[in-house]
Amino acid sequence: MAELLHGLSALVKLQLLATALLQSRATAKKTRNRVAVRVLKGN
């Protein structure tokens, strides 16, 4: 039973990591787009 719980917590941690990575990638993309827009507008 303890092994099962350990495996489950590892899965949850992996899922949280993946989610965090996806979110930071999305945020980076937004930031890059904002910077690109600023550069194009000549700010």
N, C-alpha and C. Protein backbone atom coordinates (compact mmCIF):
# COMPACT_ATOMS: atom_id res chain seq x y z
N MET A 1 0.83 -1.21 0.00
CA MET A 1 0.00 0.00 0.00
C MET A 1 0.86 1.26 0.00
N ALA A 2 1.93 1.24 0.80
CA ALA A 2 2.79 2.41 0.87
C ALA A 2 3.45 2.67 -0.49
N GLU A 3 3.82 1.59 -1.19
CA GLU A 3 4.44 1.75 -2.50
C GLU A 3 3.49 2.39 -3.49
N LEU A 4 2.22 2.00 -3.41
CA LEU A 4 1.20 2.55 -4.29
C LEU A 4 1.05 4.06 -4.04
N LEU A 5 1.00 4.42 -2.77
CA LEU A 5 0.87 5.83 -2.42
C LEU A 5 2.08 6.62 -2.90
N HIS A 6 3.26 6.02 -2.73
CA HIS A 6 4.48 6.68 -3.17
C HIS A 6 4.45 6.91 -4.68
N GLY A 7 4.02 5.90 -5.42
CA GLY A 7 3.92 6.02 -6.88
C GLY A 7 2.93 7.10 -7.28
N LEU A 8 1.81 7.17 -6.56
CA LEU A 8 0.79 8.17 -6.85
C LEU A 8 1.32 9.58 -6.60
N SER A 9 2.02 9.78 -5.49
CA SER A 9 2.54 11.11 -5.19
C SER A 9 3.60 11.51 -6.22
N ALA A 10 4.38 10.53 -6.70
CA ALA A 10 5.36 10.82 -7.74
C ALA A 10 4.67 11.27 -9.02
N LEU A 11 3.57 10.59 -9.36
CA LEU A 11 2.79 10.95 -10.55
C LEU A 11 2.23 12.36 -10.43
N VAL A 12 1.70 12.67 -9.25
CA VAL A 12 1.13 14.00 -9.02
C VAL A 12 2.22 15.06 -9.17
N LYS A 13 3.39 14.79 -8.60
CA LYS A 13 4.50 15.74 -8.71
C LYS A 13 4.89 15.96 -10.16
N LEU A 14 4.95 14.87 -10.93
CA LEU A 14 5.29 14.97 -12.35
C LEU A 14 4.24 15.81 -13.08
N GLN A 15 2.99 15.60 -12.76
CA GLN A 15 1.91 16.33 -13.41
C GLN A 15 2.01 17.82 -13.08
N LEU A 16 2.30 18.12 -11.82
CA LEU A 16 2.45 19.52 -11.41
C LEU A 16 3.62 20.17 -12.14
N LEU A 17 4.71 19.43 -12.27
CA LEU A 17 5.88 19.93 -12.99
C LEU A 17 5.53 20.23 -14.45
N ALA A 18 4.85 19.28 -15.08
CA ALA A 18 4.47 19.45 -16.48
C ALA A 18 3.58 20.67 -16.65
N THR A 19 2.62 20.83 -15.73
CA THR A 19 1.71 21.97 -15.79
C THR A 19 2.48 23.27 -15.65
N ALA A 20 3.40 23.31 -14.69
CA ALA A 20 4.19 24.51 -14.46
C ALA A 20 5.02 24.85 -15.70
N LEU A 21 5.60 23.82 -16.32
CA LEU A 21 6.39 24.04 -17.53
C LEU A 21 5.54 24.61 -18.65
N LEU A 22 4.36 24.04 -18.84
CA LEU A 22 3.46 24.51 -19.89
C LEU A 22 3.06 25.96 -19.63
N GLN A 23 2.74 26.28 -18.38
CA GLN A 23 2.33 27.63 -18.04
C GLN A 23 3.46 28.62 -18.27
N SER A 24 4.68 28.26 -17.85
CA SER A 24 5.80 29.18 -18.03
C SER A 24 6.12 29.36 -19.51
N ARG A 25 5.93 28.29 -20.30
CA ARG A 25 6.16 28.39 -21.74
C ARG A 25 5.14 29.34 -22.37
N ALA A 26 3.87 29.22 -21.94
CA ALA A 26 2.82 30.09 -22.45
C ALA A 26 3.09 31.54 -22.07
N THR A 27 3.53 31.75 -20.82
CA THR A 27 3.84 33.09 -20.35
C THR A 27 5.00 33.68 -21.14
N ALA A 28 6.02 32.86 -21.40
CA ALA A 28 7.17 33.32 -22.17
C ALA A 28 6.73 33.73 -23.57
N LYS A 29 5.83 32.95 -24.15
CA LYS A 29 5.35 33.26 -25.49
C LYS A 29 4.61 34.59 -25.50
N LYS A 30 3.77 34.82 -24.48
CA LYS A 30 3.04 36.08 -24.38
C LYS A 30 4.00 37.25 -24.25
N THR A 31 5.00 37.07 -23.39
CA THR A 31 5.97 38.13 -23.17
C THR A 31 6.72 38.44 -24.45
N ARG A 32 7.11 37.40 -25.18
CA ARG A 32 7.83 37.57 -26.43
C ARG A 32 6.97 38.32 -27.44
N ASN A 33 5.68 37.96 -27.48
CA ASN A 33 4.76 38.64 -28.39
C ASN A 33 4.65 40.12 -28.04
N ARG A 34 4.56 40.42 -26.76
CA ARG A 34 4.46 41.81 -26.32
C ARG A 34 5.70 42.58 -26.74
N VAL A 35 6.86 41.97 -26.52
CA VAL A 35 8.11 42.63 -26.88
C VAL A 35 8.16 42.86 -28.39
N ALA A 36 7.75 41.84 -29.15
CA ALA A 36 7.75 41.95 -30.62
C ALA A 36 6.84 43.09 -31.07
N VAL A 37 5.66 43.19 -30.45
CA VAL A 37 4.72 44.25 -30.81
C VAL A 37 5.34 45.60 -30.51
N ARG A 38 5.99 45.73 -29.36
CA ARG A 38 6.63 46.99 -28.98
C ARG A 38 7.70 47.38 -29.98
N VAL A 39 8.50 46.39 -30.36
CA VAL A 39 9.58 46.65 -31.31
C VAL A 39 9.00 47.09 -32.65
N LEU A 40 7.94 46.41 -33.08
CA LEU A 40 7.31 46.75 -34.36
C LEU A 40 6.71 48.15 -34.33
N LYS A 41 6.13 48.53 -33.18
CA LYS A 41 5.53 49.85 -33.07
C LYS A 41 6.59 50.93 -32.92
N GLY A 42 7.81 50.51 -32.58
CA GLY A 42 8.91 51.46 -32.46
C GLY A 42 8.99 52.14 -31.12
N ASN A 43 8.53 51.46 -30.06
CA ASN A 43 8.59 52.03 -28.71
C ASN A 43 9.99 51.86 -28.13
